[in-house]
């Protein structure tokens, strides 16, 4: 089975539209349709149902997608392994990271990595769907919240981090040694929108205590939330280490949360049965050490 045709199939599976898939691949739509027909003839079953202009994957198509990802990844792993014989510092490392960690924590580490591996291309993607990106082979490594055990993955704990209240230094709360969940429900909060991992994690702790948070403003980035706090618009609940590695927010202080404080448990993930280059191994080791030092 030609991996080129598998690539064509994967594009149609992703777009469920032959014209859009052909445009993405840089080939004509008739050529793409012909290659899919050849692939269907080879497997002996239709891979897509064509209902008018709508394209739907068949059960055979869904199975081929599952194994096709492994085939393409195996081909890429083989090429990368051979490239590494020429130079351990070439190639590409793709990393998925939660947005707040990418924005505020890891840039100095990336600079150090680029110094040691100048010919290695590092692609760092900001996403709340870290595990999904790893499982879909879209990235080599992922740094995100701890999830259920998955035999397909290597899951390395990166430590835990409590959430605290972030307030402006001029706030009457700034000198508090701690604050309760009940008190937090009475504050003017600026938070991520519902559906964001950080927001859902915090909301879950409050729901377990029979409480609910109300917000005065919501924003989709940690930088925006910190700017709102610095401007005196409100206060926010974020991981304690958010300010530790990022200077420039001296007018913001953090207050521990009493009782069952929200806690995020981090992990490094990568696919268990795929080739890991020396550059990826080095970046993994640095990420583990980085999060260990941050927890100390």
Foldseek 3Di string as FASTA:
>chain_A
DDLVLLQLLLLCQVVQAQCVSCVVVVHHSVVSVVSQVVVCVVVVHHQWDCDPRGIDGDPVVVVSLLVSLVVVQQVVLVVVVVVVVVPLLAEEAEEEEAQLCVVFPCPVVVVVLCVVRVRYHYHYHHDQPFVVCQSSVVGFKYKYFDDDDDPQKDKAWQFKFFKWKKAFCPDPCNPPQAAEPVVQQVWAEEEADPPRPFVVLQQVVQVVVVHGHDHPYYDHHPVVRLVCRNVVVTMYIDTPLSCVRHPDSVRMDTHHYPDPTRMTIMIMMHGDPGRAGPSNVVSVVVSSVSSVVSVD
